[in-house]
PDB file of N, CA and C in Angstrom:
ATOM      1  N   MET A   1      10.212  48.948 150.267  1.00  0.00           N
ATOM      2  CA  MET A   1      11.126  48.607 151.339  1.00  0.00           C
ATOM      3  C   MET A   1      11.880  49.866 151.769  1.00  0.00           C
ATOM      4  N   SER A   2      11.952  50.102 153.056  1.00  0.00           N
ATOM      5  CA  SER A   2      12.625  51.303 153.559  1.00  0.00           C
ATOM      6  C   SER A   2      14.124  51.071 153.697  1.00  0.00           C
ATOM      7  N   ALA A   3      14.851  52.177 153.748  1.00  0.00           N
ATOM      8  CA  ALA A   3      16.309  52.112 153.892  1.00  0.00           C
ATOM      9  C   ALA A   3      16.665  51.598 155.282  1.00  0.00           C
ATOM     10  N   PRO A   4      17.801  50.921 155.407  1.00  0.00           N
ATOM     11  CA  PRO A   4      18.208  50.444 156.740  1.00  0.00           C
ATOM     12  C   PRO A   4      18.517  51.621 157.665  1.00  0.00           C
ATOM     13  N   LEU A   5      18.320  51.390 158.941  1.00  0.00           N
ATOM     14  CA  LEU A   5      18.618  52.428 159.929  1.00  0.00           C
ATOM     15  C   LEU A   5      20.118  52.694 159.966  1.00  0.00           C
ATOM     16  N   PRO A   6      20.512  53.944 160.253  1.00  0.00           N
ATOM     17  CA  PRO A   6      21.944  54.252 160.373  1.00  0.00           C
ATOM     18  C   PRO A   6      22.558  53.471 161.539  1.00  0.00           C
ATOM     19  N   ASP A   7      23.839  53.138 161.399  1.00  0.00           N
ATOM     20  CA  ASP A   7      24.520  52.438 162.490  1.00  0.00           C
ATOM     21  C   ASP A   7      24.733  53.386 163.672  1.00  0.00           C
ATOM     22  N   GLN A   8      25.213  52.833 164.767  1.00  0.00           N
ATOM     23  CA  GLN A   8      25.342  53.608 166.007  1.00  0.00           C
ATOM     24  C   GLN A   8      26.297  54.790 165.854  1.00  0.00           C
ATOM     25  N   ALA A   9      27.389  54.614 165.154  1.00  0.00           N
ATOM     26  CA  ALA A   9      28.347  55.720 164.975  1.00  0.00           C
ATOM     27  C   ALA A   9      27.719  56.847 164.168  1.00  0.00           C
ATOM     28  N   THR A  10      26.988  56.512 163.125  1.00  0.00           N
ATOM     29  CA  THR A  10      26.325  57.518 162.305  1.00  0.00           C
ATOM     30  C   THR A  10      25.282  58.264 163.124  1.00  0.00           C
ATOM     31  N   GLN A  11      24.517  57.543 163.924  1.00  0.00           N
ATOM     32  CA  GLN A  11      23.515  58.171 164.781  1.00  0.00           C
ATOM     33  C   GLN A  11      24.172  59.108 165.791  1.00  0.00           C
ATOM     34  N   THR A  12      25.274  58.667 166.376  1.00  0.00           N
ATOM     35  CA  THR A  12      25.974  59.478 167.375  1.00  0.00           C
ATOM     36  C   THR A  12      26.490  60.770 166.765  1.00  0.00           C
ATOM     37  N   ILE A  13      27.111  60.676 165.608  1.00  0.00           N
ATOM     38  CA  ILE A  13      27.618  61.865 164.929  1.00  0.00           C
ATOM     39  C   ILE A  13      26.472  62.819 164.607  1.00  0.00           C
ATOM     40  N   ALA A  14      25.370  62.300 164.130  1.00  0.00           N
ATOM     41  CA  ALA A  14      24.221  63.135 163.787  1.00  0.00           C
ATOM     42  C   ALA A  14      23.641  63.828 165.013  1.00  0.00           C
ATOM     43  N   VAL A  15      23.513  63.102 166.105  1.00  0.00           N
ATOM     44  CA  VAL A  15      22.953  63.690 167.327  1.00  0.00           C
ATOM     45  C   VAL A  15      23.880  64.772 167.880  1.00  0.00           C
ATOM     46  N   LEU A  16      25.170  64.501 167.930  1.00  0.00           N
ATOM     47  CA  LEU A  16      26.118  65.493 168.443  1.00  0.00           C
ATOM     48  C   LEU A  16      26.159  66.732 167.549  1.00  0.00           C
ATOM     49  N   THR A  17      26.132  66.535 166.250  1.00  0.00           N
ATOM     50  CA  THR A  17      26.130  67.668 165.321  1.00  0.00           C
ATOM     51  C   THR A  17      24.870  68.505 165.507  1.00  0.00           C
ATOM     52  N   THR A  18      23.735  67.832 165.647  1.00  0.00           N
ATOM     53  CA  THR A  18      22.474  68.538 165.852  1.00  0.00           C
ATOM     54  C   THR A  18      22.507  69.355 167.137  1.00  0.00           C
ATOM     55  N   CYS A  19      23.009  68.779 168.221  1.00  0.00           N
ATOM     56  CA  CYS A  19      23.108  69.504 169.495  1.00  0.00           C
ATOM     57  C   CYS A  19      24.023  70.715 169.367  1.00  0.00           C
ATOM     58  N   LEU A  20      25.129  70.558 168.686  1.00  0.00           N
ATOM     59  CA  LEU A  20      26.065  71.662 168.508  1.00  0.00           C
ATOM     60  C   LEU A  20      25.424  72.800 167.715  1.00  0.00           C
ATOM     61  N   VAL A  21      24.755  72.471 166.627  1.00  0.00           N
ATOM     62  CA  VAL A  21      24.108  73.499 165.814  1.00  0.00           C
ATOM     63  C   VAL A  21      23.003  74.185 166.606  1.00  0.00           C
ATOM     64  N   GLN A  22      22.223  73.433 167.354  1.00  0.00           N
ATOM     65  CA  GLN A  22      21.157  74.033 168.163  1.00  0.00           C
ATOM     66  C   GLN A  22      21.733  74.970 169.221  1.00  0.00           C
ATOM     67  N   ALA A  23      22.827  74.568 169.857  1.00  0.00           N
ATOM     68  CA  ALA A  23      23.462  75.417 170.877  1.00  0.00           C
ATOM     69  C   ALA A  23      23.996  76.703 170.250  1.00  0.00           C
ATOM     70  N   LEU A  24      24.632  76.592 169.109  1.00  0.00           N
ATOM     71  CA  LEU A  24      25.145  77.784 168.426  1.00  0.00           C
ATOM     72  C   LEU A  24      23.999  78.692 167.973  1.00  0.00           C
ATOM     73  N   ALA A  25      22.896  78.096 167.564  1.00  0.00           N
ATOM     74  CA  ALA A  25      21.745  78.878 167.109  1.00  0.00           C
ATOM     75  C   ALA A  25      21.079  79.636 168.254  1.00  0.00           C
ATOM     76  N   GLU A  26      21.257  79.163 169.477  1.00  0.00           N
ATOM     77  CA  GLU A  26      20.726  79.909 170.622  1.00  0.00           C
ATOM     78  C   GLU A  26      21.441  81.252 170.763  1.00  0.00           C
ATOM     79  N   ARG A  27      22.705  81.283 170.428  1.00  0.00           N
ATOM     80  CA  ARG A  27      23.483  82.526 170.496  1.00  0.00           C
ATOM     81  C   ARG A  27      23.323  83.380 169.242  1.00  0.00           C
ATOM     82  N   ASP A  28      23.092  82.724 168.117  1.00  0.00           N
ATOM     83  CA  ASP A  28      22.944  83.418 166.836  1.00  0.00           C
ATOM     84  C   ASP A  28      21.763  82.813 166.088  1.00  0.00           C
ATOM     85  N   PRO A  29      20.569  83.353 166.289  1.00  0.00           N
ATOM     86  CA  PRO A  29      19.365  82.783 165.687  1.00  0.00           C
ATOM     87  C   PRO A  29      19.393  82.720 164.154  1.00  0.00           C
ATOM     88  N   GLU A  30      20.227  83.528 163.526  1.00  0.00           N
ATOM     89  CA  GLU A  30      20.322  83.501 162.065  1.00  0.00           C
ATOM     90  C   GLU A  30      21.070  82.259 161.570  1.00  0.00           C
ATOM     91  N   LEU A  31      21.801  81.603 162.450  1.00  0.00           N
ATOM     92  CA  LEU A  31      22.596  80.447 162.055  1.00  0.00           C
ATOM     93  C   LEU A  31      21.740  79.275 161.612  1.00  0.00           C
ATOM     94  N   LEU A  32      20.671  78.981 162.310  1.00  0.00           N
ATOM     95  CA  LEU A  32      19.892  77.771 162.037  1.00  0.00           C
ATOM     96  C   LEU A  32      19.314  77.739 160.621  1.00  0.00           C
ATOM     97  N   PRO A  33      18.632  78.785 160.157  1.00  0.00           N
ATOM     98  CA  PRO A  33      18.108  78.698 158.788  1.00  0.00           C
ATOM     99  C   PRO A  33      19.213  78.585 157.726  1.00  0.00           C
ATOM    100  N   VAL A  34      20.325  79.249 157.960  1.00  0.00           N
ATOM    101  CA  VAL A  34      21.449  79.158 157.016  1.00  0.00           C
ATOM    102  C   VAL A  34      22.007  77.738 157.012  1.00  0.00           C
ATOM    103  N   PHE A  35      22.190  77.153 158.202  1.00  0.00           N
ATOM    104  CA  PHE A  35      22.706  75.798 158.295  1.00  0.00           C
ATOM    105  C   PHE A  35      21.739  74.805 157.651  1.00  0.00           C
ATOM    106  N   GLN A  36      20.443  74.981 157.893  1.00  0.00           N
ATOM    107  CA  GLN A  36      19.452  74.075 157.312  1.00  0.00           C
ATOM    108  C   GLN A  36      19.480  74.128 155.782  1.00  0.00           C
ATOM    109  N   GLU A  37      19.641  75.300 155.235  1.00  0.00           N
ATOM    110  CA  GLU A  37      19.733  75.420 153.775  1.00  0.00           C
ATOM    111  C   GLU A  37      20.993  74.727 153.258  1.00  0.00           C
ATOM    112  N   LYS A  38      22.103  74.953 153.955  1.00  0.00           N
ATOM    113  CA  LYS A  38      23.364  74.345 153.529  1.00  0.00           C
ATOM    114  C   LYS A  38      23.325  72.826 153.638  1.00  0.00           C
ATOM    115  N   ILE A  39      22.723  72.308 154.708  1.00  0.00           N
ATOM    116  CA  ILE A  39      22.693  70.853 154.862  1.00  0.00           C
ATOM    117  C   ILE A  39      21.740  70.221 153.844  1.00  0.00           C
ATOM    118  N   GLN A  40      20.675  70.931 153.491  1.00  0.00           N
ATOM    119  CA  GLN A  40      19.778  70.431 152.442  1.00  0.00           C
ATOM    120  C   GLN A  40      20.511  70.380 151.107  1.00  0.00           C
ATOM    121  N   ASN A  41      21.278  71.430 150.804  1.00  0.00           N
ATOM    122  CA  ASN A  41      22.059  71.454 149.564  1.00  0.00           C
ATOM    123  C   ASN A  41      23.119  70.352 149.560  1.00  0.00           C
ATOM    124  N   MET A  42      23.763  70.147 150.706  1.00  0.00           N
ATOM    125  CA  MET A  42      24.782  69.106 150.801  1.00  0.00           C
ATOM    126  C   MET A  42      24.162  67.725 150.632  1.00  0.00           C
ATOM    127  N   TYR A  43      22.991  67.528 151.213  1.00  0.00           N
ATOM    128  CA  TYR A  43      22.299  66.246 151.070  1.00  0.00           C
ATOM    129  C   TYR A  43      22.041  65.950 149.591  1.00  0.00           C
ATOM    130  N   ALA A  44      21.555  66.939 148.861  1.00  0.00           N
ATOM    131  CA  ALA A  44      21.282  66.755 147.435  1.00  0.00           C
ATOM    132  C   ALA A  44      22.567  66.465 146.662  1.00  0.00           C
ATOM    133  N   GLU A  45      23.629  67.164 147.020  1.00  0.00           N
ATOM    134  CA  GLU A  45      24.905  66.946 146.333  1.00  0.00           C
ATOM    135  C   GLU A  45      25.457  65.545 146.597  1.00  0.00           C
ATOM    136  N   ILE A  46      25.396  65.114 147.844  1.00  0.00           N
ATOM    137  CA  ILE A  46      25.903  63.782 148.201  1.00  0.00           C
ATOM    138  C   ILE A  46      25.036  62.695 147.578  1.00  0.00           C
ATOM    139  N   ARG A  47      23.723  62.901 147.593  1.00  0.00           N
ATOM    140  CA  ARG A  47      22.786  61.922 147.030  1.00  0.00           C
ATOM    141  C   ARG A  47      23.090  61.676 145.555  1.00  0.00           C
ATOM    142  N   ASP A  48      23.487  62.737 144.852  1.00  0.00           N
ATOM    143  CA  ASP A  48      23.736  62.647 143.415  1.00  0.00           C
ATOM    144  C   ASP A  48      25.178  62.297 143.067  1.00  0.00           C
ATOM    145  N   ASN A  49      26.011  62.006 144.066  1.00  0.00           N
ATOM    146  CA  ASN A  49      27.430  61.752 143.838  1.00  0.00           C
ATOM    147  C   ASN A  49      27.775  60.362 144.391  1.00  0.00           C
ATOM    148  N   THR A  50      28.219  59.481 143.529  1.00  0.00           N
ATOM    149  CA  THR A  50      28.524  58.111 143.948  1.00  0.00           C
ATOM    150  C   THR A  50      29.827  58.000 144.741  1.00  0.00           C
ATOM    151  N   TYR A  51      30.559  59.082 144.879  1.00  0.00           N
ATOM    152  CA  TYR A  51      31.815  59.061 145.635  1.00  0.00           C
ATOM    153  C   TYR A  51      31.580  58.781 147.108  1.00  0.00           C
ATOM    154  N   PHE A  52      30.482  59.293 147.650  1.00  0.00           N
ATOM    155  CA  PHE A  52      30.214  59.186 149.079  1.00  0.00           C
ATOM    156  C   PHE A  52      29.522  57.870 149.420  1.00  0.00           C
ATOM    157  N   PRO A  53      29.938  57.235 150.510  1.00  0.00           N
ATOM    158  CA  PRO A  53      29.240  56.020 150.940  1.00  0.00           C
ATOM    159  C   PRO A  53      27.855  56.356 151.482  1.00  0.00           C
ATOM    160  N   SER A  54      26.983  55.373 151.506  1.00  0.00           N
ATOM    161  CA  SER A  54      25.602  55.599 151.942  1.00  0.00           C
ATOM    162  C   SER A  54      25.522  56.087 153.388  1.00  0.00           C
ATOM    163  N   GLU A  55      26.484  55.715 154.223  1.00  0.00           N
ATOM    164  CA  GLU A  55      26.477  56.166 155.615  1.00  0.00           C
ATOM    165  C   GLU A  55      26.617  57.686 155.722  1.00  0.00           C
ATOM    166  N   THR A  56      27.361  58.280 154.811  1.00  0.00           N
ATOM    167  CA  THR A  56      27.514  59.737 154.812  1.00  0.00           C
ATOM    168  C   THR A  56      26.173  60.400 154.508  1.00  0.00           C
ATOM    169  N   LEU A  57      25.486  59.899 153.518  1.00  0.00           N
ATOM    170  CA  LEU A  57      24.166  60.425 153.178  1.00  0.00           C
ATOM    171  C   LEU A  57      23.200  60.240 154.349  1.00  0.00           C
ATOM    172  N   GLN A  58      23.277  59.091 155.007  1.00  0.00           N
ATOM    173  CA  GLN A  58      22.418  58.849 156.164  1.00  0.00           C
ATOM    174  C   GLN A  58      22.684  59.864 157.270  1.00  0.00           C
ATOM    175  N   ALA A  59      23.955  60.132 157.556  1.00  0.00           N
ATOM    176  CA  ALA A  59      24.304  61.069 158.627  1.00  0.00           C
ATOM    177  C   ALA A  59      23.806  62.467 158.312  1.00  0.00           C
ATOM    178  N   VAL A  60      24.027  62.922 157.096  1.00  0.00           N
ATOM    179  CA  VAL A  60      23.584  64.261 156.700  1.00  0.00           C
ATOM    180  C   VAL A  60      22.059  64.340 156.735  1.00  0.00           C
ATOM    181  N   GLY A  61      21.402  63.313 156.228  1.00  0.00           N
ATOM    182  CA  GLY A  61      19.943  63.285 156.253  1.00  0.00           C
ATOM    183  C   GLY A  61      19.382  63.263 157.662  1.00  0.00           C
ATOM    184  N   LEU A  62      20.044  62.533 158.543  1.00  0.00           N
ATOM    185  CA  LEU A  62      19.580  62.457 159.929  1.00  0.00           C
ATOM    186  C   LEU A  62      19.728  63.806 160.627  1.00  0.00           C
ATOM    187  N   VAL A  63      20.842  64.483 160.423  1.00  0.00           N
ATOM    188  CA  VAL A  63      21.011  65.832 160.996  1.00  0.00           C
ATOM    189  C   VAL A  63      19.930  66.760 160.456  1.00  0.00           C
ATOM    190  N   ARG A  64      19.720  66.718 159.164  1.00  0.00           N
ATOM    191  CA  ARG A  64      18.681  67.551 158.536  1.00  0.00           C
ATOM    192  C   ARG A  64      17.319  67.278 159.177  1.00  0.00           C
ATOM    193  N   ASP A  65      16.986  66.005 159.348  1.00  0.00           N
ATOM    194  CA  ASP A  65      15.688  65.638 159.918  1.00  0.00           C
ATOM    195  C   ASP A  65      15.575  66.016 161.390  1.00  0.00           C
ATOM    196  N   LEU A  66      16.657  65.824 162.147  1.00  0.00           N
ATOM    197  CA  LEU A  66      16.623  66.159 163.565  1.00  0.00           C
ATOM    198  C   LEU A  66      16.457  67.669 163.793  1.00  0.00           C
ATOM    199  N   LEU A  67      17.033  68.456 162.902  1.00  0.00           N
ATOM    200  CA  LEU A  67      16.910  69.910 163.051  1.00  0.00           C
ATOM    201  C   LEU A  67      15.508  70.398 162.686  1.00  0.00           C
ATOM    202  N   LYS A  68      14.768  69.621 161.944  1.00  0.00           N
ATOM    203  CA  LYS A  68      13.390  69.970 161.596  1.00  0.00           C
ATOM    204  C   LYS A  68      12.437  69.659 162.754  1.00  0.00           C
ATOM    205  N   ALA A  69      12.827  68.737 163.603  1.00  0.00           N
ATOM    206  CA  ALA A  69      11.935  68.283 164.688  1.00  0.00           C
ATOM    207  C   ALA A  69      11.736  69.335 165.736  1.00  0.00           C
TER     208      ALA A  69
END
């Protein structure tokens, strides 16, 4: 069984964050690989920490996935 889709607010935050990072990376091409590494590390940290709600993990994962596309 797959995980439920993120709610609309989570999707909106992820899309806006992705657009912002992409726009900044147009001015500084070194930013994108650094950001991708950091978001991957953050995803792993959040996944392994029960403090964060599942929506936070979904948002971080969605940004990570959108930046790979």
